[in-house]
Every structure is written in C-alpha cells, then in structure tokens.
Amino acid sequence: MAVLSEEQEMLRDMAREWVVNESPVAKFRAVRASGEPRAYDLATYATMAQMGWTGVIIPEAFGGTDFGWLSAGMIFEEMGKTVTASPLMATTLTAAAIMLGGSDEQKAKWLPQLASGAVIGTLAIDEGPHHAPHRLATTVANGRLTGTKAFVHEAHDAALFVVAAADGLYVVEADSAENAGSVRVATRHLADMRSHALVMFEGASAEKLAAGPEDLLDQLLDRARILTACEMLGMAQAVFDTTLDYLKQRVQFNQALSSFQALQHRMADLFGELAMMRSAVEGGLQALDAGMMVAQAATIAKAEANRVLHIISREGVQLHGGIGMTDEYDIGFYLKRARVLESSWGSTSFLKDRFAKISGY
C-alpha cells in the first residue's frame, strides 16, 4: 500500500463516500436504460468539478490543486468500484497533454477551463481496431487536420480534442466557429455500454502542441495507461469484495458457500492476484510523481491490470453461479467493462512487446 499524506487520506475517504452515495452502480444502470448516447450524467460530472477533481493534476497557477498523480489515481480507483461513467479521465488526460506539450499561451488558455470543468476534453489517438499509436494516417496541412479516429471516449460533449497526427499532437477546438461542420461524431456501441465514438476530422483547424518532448505521444499514453489501470484496480477490488460477500451469504446443502475449501482456495488465489495488481498500479503512480522510469512502470501497471482484472472478473461471475450471468445482477457490468479496458491503450501482448523494446531486448 502506498503511504498517503493526511490530505490524500481525506481525498480518498471523500471520494469513497461520494461514489457510494452519489454514483452507485444503480445510477449507471439508470443512465444506460435512458438510452442517452453520452452514457453518463452531466450533473454528476459537474459535482466532480465542484469538488476539484477536474484539477487534481493541474498546477495551482492554472486553477488546479496540483495534488499529483497518486491522488488522481485514488479517485479513479474509487470510481472504478461503482463503474462510475464520466468524462473525468478523458478530461484529465487532455490536461496532461497540454501540460506536457503546450506552449505558455495554450496552457493559459485551456488549463483553467479544464480545471474548472467548464470544458470537457478527450484524446483521439487510434485509427483502427487495435491500439497502434504510431501507425497514423491523420495529416495536417496549412493548419487544417484531416483524419478519422476510432474508439474516442466521451466525444459527444468534448469541446477540445487532443489528436495524434503523423507529425505530432494537435489540439482541435470542436465547437469553434471555424470548425463548424469539420468535426463529426458517430456513436459506437461496445460491450461496456459507455460513450465511445468514431470521430471524423475534415479539414479542422488545429494547433500543434509543439513545446513538448520528442516522445510526447508516448509520455501521454503512459499516463493514460496508469490512470486506466487505477480504474481497473477499483473494479477488481469491487468484484472481489462483492463475490466474497456473496459466498458468505449464499447457502447450499445447509452450509454457506464460503465454508467449502475449494472456494476458499479460489478466493485466496484472487486475494494474492489483487495484491500484485495493487503493487504494480501504485508503483506506476509513484513513478509518475517521481518522474522516474515512467515508461516501464506504466507498461507493467497496465499489463498487470489487464491480466488480473481478466481473471477476477471471470471468476467473480463464475462464483456467483447462474445469477452472475443475468443482466439484473451488477457483477456482469464489471466483466463487460473489463474486456473493453483490457484493449484500451494497449492489450497485454502489446504491452509485453513494448516492455521488451524499452528494456533493450
């Protein structure tokens, strides 16, 4: 377990209490039933902004709280426990892109709006069915960006897109007058029932994030991998806790299921896997805050999150028996979300190859 400051403990406890009371799984179920394309509640996101969550990684000079990546990760872990849907992660990563690569003018323009929650941002990176961030056909000519991006999260309400092109990262202001009709969003439905979209940029006005390092895209994706792993950690913890409670309560042959040794062994195995996952994810957050070996730590964190959540989400459904397969029971939401997140920002095989490459093999 990471060592937390008093302020971080307060933030974690506040986030934990808030998601349970204000954003339980039942709220996601209700939003899903409404059929809204965005698949999240804007009022809930506005409350997150009021609590300062949108500015956790943003410096105080730009309206944020600068609490660091470990603090941000704790929030996303708690949100993962209740499969809370919101544009918070997409907006946080948009802020990260501008912090890493934006000019002073770009930072002054966008970071305060992202910190306050006034603007929703998102990343538009991949172009095909698999994560391939360096195989890009998107081009920019005379300040106009053209290309199609797949699996863009929370694109329907995004006013600001960070777009990966062949020659770098660009910012596209979707709702500006000069981009009227230049940015088209088409909903794409995935198993997790979240807000995903195909986004088509047709000569959209774009500003390059030209002040960052040469590996700006890789640094941004490392942050995406670590924060996604945090959400996955929260999901894995929730599935474990829910399954353990179910085994204690469910009675067969006049005995609680938790009394059967075979099931005890399976839960003990999952407990060990969860501890390994937590170590990897918290290690990624600490590497980000320290600025040391971030690429390696991010790759390990996401790869381990992929592996462990796949196991725990599958076992959670199986240990619930037949009811675990029904839509009426919440456990299935975690499995569906898990399968989508396992592919986001790199599958396990992609990440293993990346780790070997950055390690010199």
Protein backbone atom coordinates (compact mmCIF):
# COMPACT_ATOMS: atom_id res chain seq x y z
CA MET A 1 0.00 0.00 0.00
CA ALA A 2 1.22 3.48 -0.87
CA VAL A 3 1.97 5.81 2.03
CA LEU A 4 -0.55 8.66 1.93
CA SER A 5 -0.39 12.14 3.36
CA GLU A 6 -3.19 13.38 5.59
CA GLU A 7 -4.62 15.37 2.67
CA GLN A 8 -4.53 12.31 0.40
CA GLU A 9 -6.29 10.19 3.00
CA MET A 10 -9.02 12.82 3.26
CA LEU A 11 -9.37 12.92 -0.53
CA ARG A 12 -9.59 9.13 -0.76
CA ASP A 13 -12.18 8.91 2.01
CA MET A 14 -14.25 11.69 0.45
CA ALA A 15 -14.13 10.03 -2.97
CA ARG A 16 -15.05 6.65 -1.49
CA GLU A 17 -18.05 8.04 0.37
CA TRP A 18 -19.20 10.14 -2.58
CA VAL A 19 -19.22 7.39 -5.19
CA VAL A 20 -21.13 5.05 -2.88
CA ASN A 21 -23.79 7.64 -2.06
CA GLU A 22 -23.99 9.70 -5.25
CA SER A 23 -22.78 7.42 -8.03
CA PRO A 24 -23.64 3.80 -7.18
CA VAL A 25 -23.91 1.09 -9.82
CA ALA A 26 -27.66 1.70 -9.85
CA LYS A 27 -27.03 5.18 -11.28
CA PHE A 28 -25.08 3.75 -14.21
CA ARG A 29 -27.87 1.24 -14.77
CA ALA A 30 -30.41 4.08 -14.89
CA VAL A 31 -28.33 6.13 -17.35
CA ARG A 32 -27.91 3.07 -19.55
CA ALA A 33 -31.65 2.48 -19.54
CA SER A 34 -32.28 6.08 -20.64
CA GLY A 35 -30.61 5.42 -23.99
CA GLU A 36 -28.59 8.65 -23.89
CA PRO A 37 -25.60 8.44 -26.30
CA ARG A 38 -23.26 10.02 -23.75
CA ALA A 39 -23.93 7.18 -21.24
CA TYR A 40 -23.11 9.36 -18.25
CA ASP A 41 -24.81 12.05 -16.18
CA LEU A 42 -23.60 15.61 -16.79
CA ALA A 43 -24.87 16.77 -13.38
CA THR A 44 -22.71 14.13 -11.71
CA TYR A 45 -19.69 15.37 -13.63
CA ALA A 46 -20.47 18.96 -12.63
CA THR A 47 -20.36 17.87 -8.99
CA MET A 48 -16.95 16.26 -9.56
CA ALA A 49 -15.72 19.57 -10.92
CA GLN A 50 -17.08 21.43 -7.89
CA MET A 51 -15.15 19.06 -5.63
CA GLY A 52 -11.96 19.91 -7.53
CA TRP A 53 -11.43 16.51 -9.14
CA THR A 54 -11.01 18.02 -12.61
CA GLY A 55 -7.96 19.96 -11.44
CA VAL A 56 -6.12 17.40 -9.32
CA ILE A 57 -3.07 17.18 -11.61
CA ILE A 58 -3.20 20.79 -12.84
CA PRO A 59 -0.87 23.37 -11.23
CA GLU A 60 -2.39 25.94 -8.89
CA ALA A 61 -1.26 28.71 -11.25
CA PHE A 62 -3.83 27.44 -13.75
CA GLY A 63 -6.68 26.88 -11.31
CA GLY A 64 -5.89 23.32 -10.25
CA THR A 65 -4.92 21.84 -6.90
CA ASP A 66 -1.71 20.09 -8.03
CA PHE A 67 -2.32 17.09 -5.76
CA GLY A 68 -0.32 14.79 -8.01
CA TRP A 69 -0.87 11.55 -9.85
CA LEU A 70 -1.23 9.33 -6.79
CA SER A 71 -4.17 11.47 -5.67
CA ALA A 72 -5.74 11.33 -9.13
CA GLY A 73 -5.27 7.58 -9.20
CA MET A 74 -7.11 7.15 -5.89
CA ILE A 75 -10.12 8.98 -7.32
CA PHE A 76 -10.25 6.76 -10.39
CA GLU A 77 -9.87 3.65 -8.26
CA GLU A 78 -12.91 4.64 -6.20
CA MET A 79 -14.87 5.43 -9.36
CA GLY A 80 -13.97 2.02 -10.73
CA LYS A 81 -15.56 0.35 -7.72
CA THR A 82 -19.00 1.57 -8.78
CA VAL A 83 -18.30 1.59 -12.55
CA THR A 84 -18.93 5.34 -12.49
CA ALA A 85 -19.16 6.72 -16.02
CA SER A 86 -17.94 10.27 -16.62
CA PRO A 87 -15.61 12.30 -18.86
CA LEU A 88 -13.25 12.91 -15.92
CA MET A 89 -10.45 10.64 -17.13
CA ALA A 90 -10.65 11.90 -20.71
CA THR A 91 -10.52 15.50 -19.48
CA THR A 92 -7.65 14.76 -17.07
CA LEU A 93 -5.62 13.23 -19.90
CA THR A 94 -6.38 16.22 -22.12
CA ALA A 95 -4.95 18.44 -19.40
CA ALA A 96 -1.92 16.16 -19.16
CA ALA A 97 -1.28 16.53 -22.90
CA ILE A 98 -1.36 20.32 -22.67
CA MET A 99 0.83 20.32 -19.56
CA LEU A 100 3.38 18.12 -21.33
CA GLY A 101 3.40 19.74 -24.75
CA GLY A 102 1.52 23.02 -24.72
CA SER A 103 3.01 26.47 -25.10
CA ASP A 104 2.58 29.03 -22.34
CA GLU A 105 -0.29 30.53 -24.33
CA GLN A 106 -2.01 27.16 -24.81
CA LYS A 107 -1.65 26.34 -21.12
CA ALA A 108 -3.06 29.71 -20.09
CA LYS A 109 -5.98 29.31 -22.47
CA TRP A 110 -7.05 25.74 -21.77
CA LEU A 111 -5.85 24.53 -18.37
CA PRO A 112 -8.06 26.87 -16.29
CA GLN A 113 -11.12 25.80 -18.28
CA LEU A 114 -10.27 22.12 -17.89
CA ALA A 115 -9.54 22.58 -14.17
CA SER A 116 -12.91 24.23 -13.55
CA GLY A 117 -14.85 21.66 -15.53
CA ALA A 118 -16.09 24.32 -17.95
CA VAL A 119 -14.57 22.39 -20.86
CA ILE A 120 -14.63 18.64 -21.48
CA GLY A 121 -11.66 17.26 -23.38
CA THR A 122 -10.70 13.88 -24.79
CA LEU A 123 -7.93 12.08 -26.68
CA ALA A 124 -8.26 10.97 -30.30
CA ILE A 125 -5.36 8.62 -30.94
CA ASP A 126 -6.10 5.26 -32.55
CA GLU A 127 -7.41 4.84 -36.08
CA GLY A 128 -8.04 1.11 -36.40
CA PRO A 129 -9.47 -1.81 -34.42
CA HIS A 130 -6.24 -2.28 -32.43
CA HIS A 131 -4.04 0.07 -30.43
CA ALA A 132 -1.31 1.19 -32.83
CA PRO A 133 -0.37 4.74 -31.78
CA HIS A 134 2.49 5.13 -34.23
CA ARG A 135 0.62 3.95 -37.31
CA LEU A 136 -1.25 7.12 -38.15
CA ALA A 137 -2.78 8.36 -41.37
CA THR A 138 -4.07 11.64 -39.93
CA THR A 139 -2.39 14.61 -41.60
CA VAL A 140 -2.20 18.37 -41.14
CA ALA A 141 -1.75 20.85 -43.98
CA ASN A 142 -1.81 24.62 -43.54
CA GLY A 143 -3.17 24.27 -40.02
CA ARG A 144 -6.04 22.00 -41.12
CA LEU A 145 -6.28 18.47 -39.74
CA THR A 146 -7.88 15.57 -41.61
CA GLY A 147 -8.32 12.03 -40.36
CA THR A 148 -10.63 9.53 -38.68
CA LYS A 149 -10.20 8.34 -35.11
CA ALA A 150 -11.69 5.20 -33.58
CA PHE A 151 -12.82 4.45 -30.02
CA VAL A 152 -12.72 8.06 -28.83
CA HIS A 153 -14.03 8.23 -25.27
CA GLU A 154 -16.71 10.77 -24.26
CA ALA A 155 -16.54 12.54 -27.61
CA HIS A 156 -20.17 13.69 -27.68
CA ASP A 157 -19.67 16.53 -25.19
CA ALA A 158 -15.98 17.19 -25.85
CA ALA A 159 -15.15 20.76 -26.80
CA LEU A 160 -11.45 20.02 -27.01
CA PHE A 161 -9.75 17.11 -28.77
CA VAL A 162 -6.09 16.18 -28.48
CA VAL A 163 -5.46 14.47 -31.81
CA ALA A 164 -2.46 12.36 -32.80
CA ALA A 165 -1.28 13.07 -36.35
CA ALA A 166 1.68 11.72 -38.28
CA ASP A 167 3.89 14.64 -37.20
CA GLY A 168 2.76 15.15 -33.60
CA LEU A 169 -0.12 16.04 -31.29
CA TYR A 170 -2.64 18.75 -32.13
CA VAL A 171 -5.43 20.50 -30.26
CA VAL A 172 -8.75 20.84 -32.08
CA GLU A 173 -11.41 23.14 -30.65
CA ALA A 174 -14.53 21.31 -31.79
CA ASP A 175 -17.12 23.96 -31.05
CA SER A 176 -15.28 26.95 -32.52
CA ALA A 177 -16.94 28.83 -35.36
CA GLU A 178 -14.20 27.95 -37.84
CA ASN A 179 -14.67 24.24 -37.13
CA ALA A 180 -18.40 24.20 -37.76
CA GLY A 181 -19.08 21.01 -39.70
CA SER A 182 -15.43 19.96 -39.62
CA VAL A 183 -15.74 17.56 -36.68
CA ARG A 184 -18.31 14.77 -36.94
CA VAL A 185 -19.03 12.28 -34.16
CA ALA A 186 -20.67 8.88 -34.71
CA THR A 187 -21.61 6.69 -31.74
CA ARG A 188 -20.01 3.27 -31.49
CA HIS A 189 -21.53 0.70 -29.12
CA LEU A 190 -19.19 -1.59 -27.19
CA ALA A 191 -19.85 -4.24 -24.57
CA ASP A 192 -19.41 -1.85 -21.64
CA MET A 193 -22.26 0.40 -22.81
CA ARG A 194 -20.14 3.54 -22.37
CA SER A 195 -19.68 6.60 -24.58
CA HIS A 196 -17.39 5.61 -27.46
CA ALA A 197 -17.31 7.24 -30.87
CA LEU A 198 -15.80 7.34 -34.31
CA VAL A 199 -14.67 10.93 -34.86
CA MET A 200 -14.07 12.32 -38.34
CA PHE A 201 -11.95 15.46 -38.72
CA GLU A 202 -12.40 17.04 -42.14
CA GLY A 203 -10.05 19.98 -42.51
CA ALA A 204 -10.48 21.02 -38.88
CA SER A 205 -8.47 23.98 -37.63
CA ALA A 206 -5.74 22.64 -35.34
CA GLU A 207 -2.92 23.96 -33.15
CA LYS A 208 0.17 21.84 -32.65
CA LEU A 209 1.41 21.01 -29.16
CA ALA A 210 4.95 21.85 -30.18
CA ALA A 211 6.59 22.67 -26.86
CA GLY A 212 6.82 19.11 -25.56
CA PRO A 213 9.45 16.37 -25.74
CA GLU A 214 10.10 14.27 -28.82
CA ASP A 215 8.28 11.31 -27.27
CA LEU A 216 5.26 13.41 -26.25
CA LEU A 217 2.70 10.87 -27.50
CA ASP A 218 4.36 8.01 -25.63
CA GLN A 219 4.52 10.05 -22.42
CA LEU A 220 0.83 10.91 -22.73
CA LEU A 221 -0.14 7.29 -23.37
CA ASP A 222 1.84 6.18 -20.32
CA ARG A 223 -0.34 8.45 -18.22
CA ALA A 224 -3.46 7.05 -19.89
CA ARG A 225 -2.31 3.51 -19.14
CA ILE A 226 -1.67 4.22 -15.48
CA LEU A 227 -4.97 6.01 -14.87
CA THR A 228 -6.88 3.28 -16.72
CA ALA A 229 -5.12 0.71 -14.55
CA CYS A 230 -6.36 2.64 -11.49
CA GLU A 231 -9.96 2.30 -12.64
CA MET A 232 -9.34 -1.39 -13.29
CA LEU A 233 -7.90 -1.80 -9.78
CA GLY A 234 -11.07 -0.37 -8.27
CA MET A 235 -13.17 -2.71 -10.38
CA ALA A 236 -11.11 -5.73 -9.35
CA GLN A 237 -11.44 -4.79 -5.67
CA ALA A 238 -15.20 -4.37 -6.01
CA VAL A 239 -15.63 -7.73 -7.76
CA PHE A 240 -13.54 -9.45 -5.09
CA ASP A 241 -15.48 -7.84 -2.22
CA THR A 242 -18.87 -8.50 -3.83
CA THR A 243 -18.01 -12.11 -4.56
CA LEU A 244 -16.70 -12.71 -1.04
CA ASP A 245 -19.91 -11.30 0.45
CA TYR A 246 -22.00 -13.49 -1.86
CA LEU A 247 -20.12 -16.64 -0.84
CA LYS A 248 -20.66 -15.80 2.83
CA GLN A 249 -24.40 -15.28 2.36
CA ARG A 250 -25.32 -17.98 -0.19
CA VAL A 251 -26.31 -21.27 1.44
CA GLN A 252 -26.16 -24.69 -0.24
CA PHE A 253 -26.57 -28.06 1.48
CA ASN A 254 -27.26 -26.15 4.71
CA GLN A 255 -23.83 -24.52 4.58
CA ALA A 256 -22.55 -21.14 3.43
CA LEU A 257 -20.59 -21.44 0.20
CA SER A 258 -17.66 -19.78 1.94
CA SER A 259 -17.27 -22.89 4.11
CA PHE A 260 -16.23 -25.06 1.13
CA GLN A 261 -12.47 -25.41 0.98
CA ALA A 262 -12.27 -25.40 -2.82
CA LEU A 263 -13.95 -21.99 -2.95
CA GLN A 264 -11.78 -20.70 -0.13
CA HIS A 265 -8.70 -21.62 -2.17
CA ARG A 266 -10.04 -19.82 -5.23
CA MET A 267 -10.69 -16.67 -3.23
CA ALA A 268 -7.25 -16.90 -1.62
CA ASP A 269 -5.71 -17.04 -5.09
CA LEU A 270 -7.69 -13.96 -6.13
CA PHE A 271 -6.59 -12.11 -2.99
CA GLY A 272 -2.96 -12.71 -3.94
CA GLU A 273 -3.54 -11.59 -7.52
CA LEU A 274 -5.25 -8.42 -6.30
CA ALA A 275 -2.28 -7.59 -4.07
CA MET A 276 0.10 -7.99 -7.02
CA MET A 277 -2.10 -5.74 -9.15
CA ARG A 278 -2.25 -3.05 -6.47
CA SER A 279 1.52 -3.06 -6.11
CA ALA A 280 2.01 -2.59 -9.86
CA VAL A 281 -0.60 0.16 -10.19
CA GLU A 282 0.55 2.15 -7.18
CA GLY A 283 4.11 1.74 -8.43
CA GLY A 284 3.06 3.37 -11.69
CA LEU A 285 1.51 6.33 -9.88
CA GLN A 286 4.57 6.81 -7.69
CA ALA A 287 6.83 6.64 -10.75
CA LEU A 288 4.77 9.42 -12.36
CA ASP A 289 5.02 11.64 -9.30
CA ALA A 290 8.75 10.99 -9.03
CA GLY A 291 9.39 11.29 -12.77
CA MET A 292 11.48 8.11 -12.79
CA MET A 293 11.20 5.08 -15.12
CA VAL A 294 7.67 6.08 -16.07
CA ALA A 295 7.54 4.10 -19.32
CA GLN A 296 8.50 0.85 -17.63
CA ALA A 297 6.20 1.40 -14.65
CA ALA A 298 3.23 2.35 -16.84
CA THR A 299 3.68 -0.69 -19.05
CA ILE A 300 3.89 -3.02 -16.06
CA ALA A 301 0.88 -1.40 -14.36
CA LYS A 302 -1.43 -1.72 -17.35
CA ALA A 303 -0.24 -5.22 -18.30
CA GLU A 304 -0.76 -6.48 -14.75
CA ALA A 305 -4.14 -4.73 -14.55
CA ASN A 306 -5.18 -6.43 -17.79
CA ARG A 307 -4.12 -9.84 -16.53
CA VAL A 308 -5.56 -9.69 -13.04
CA LEU A 309 -8.86 -8.00 -13.85
CA HIS A 310 -9.47 -10.56 -16.60
CA ILE A 311 -9.10 -13.34 -14.03
CA ILE A 312 -11.05 -11.68 -11.22
CA SER A 313 -13.96 -10.52 -13.40
CA ARG A 314 -14.30 -14.02 -14.88
CA GLU A 315 -14.05 -15.74 -11.51
CA GLY A 316 -16.50 -13.28 -9.99
CA VAL A 317 -19.19 -14.23 -12.49
CA GLN A 318 -18.46 -17.95 -12.16
CA LEU A 319 -18.53 -17.92 -8.37
CA HIS A 320 -21.91 -16.20 -8.43
CA GLY A 321 -23.29 -19.15 -10.38
CA GLY A 322 -26.23 -18.73 -12.73
CA ILE A 323 -27.32 -15.38 -11.31
CA GLY A 324 -23.94 -13.93 -12.28
CA MET A 325 -24.89 -14.34 -15.93
CA THR A 326 -28.05 -12.25 -15.65
CA ASP A 327 -28.32 -8.56 -16.51
CA GLU A 328 -30.24 -7.96 -13.31
CA TYR A 329 -27.11 -8.64 -11.27
CA ASP A 330 -24.39 -5.98 -11.22
CA ILE A 331 -21.40 -8.32 -11.45
CA GLY A 332 -21.77 -8.55 -15.24
CA PHE A 333 -21.14 -4.81 -15.66
CA TYR A 334 -17.62 -5.30 -14.35
CA LEU A 335 -16.82 -8.15 -16.72
CA LYS A 336 -18.05 -6.19 -19.75
CA ARG A 337 -16.16 -3.07 -18.75
CA ALA A 338 -13.07 -5.16 -18.05
CA ARG A 339 -12.99 -6.62 -21.54
CA VAL A 340 -13.11 -3.14 -23.10
CA LEU A 341 -10.46 -1.68 -20.80
CA GLU A 342 -8.13 -4.61 -21.45
CA SER A 343 -7.81 -3.34 -25.03
CA SER A 344 -7.63 0.37 -24.20
CA TRP A 345 -4.18 1.90 -24.64
CA GLY A 346 -2.61 -1.50 -25.24
CA SER A 347 -3.51 -5.16 -24.87
CA THR A 348 -1.35 -7.44 -22.75
CA SER A 349 0.58 -8.70 -25.79
CA PHE A 350 1.18 -5.12 -27.00
CA LEU A 351 2.47 -4.12 -23.57
CA LYS A 352 4.76 -7.13 -23.25
CA ASP A 353 6.32 -6.25 -26.60
CA ARG A 354 6.67 -2.62 -25.53
CA PHE A 355 8.32 -3.53 -22.25
CA ALA A 356 10.82 -5.73 -24.06
CA LYS A 357 11.60 -2.92 -26.51
CA ILE A 358 12.15 -0.21 -23.91
CA SER A 359 14.24 -2.66 -21.87
CA GLY A 360 16.58 -3.20 -24.80
CA TYR A 361 15.51 -6.69 -25.88
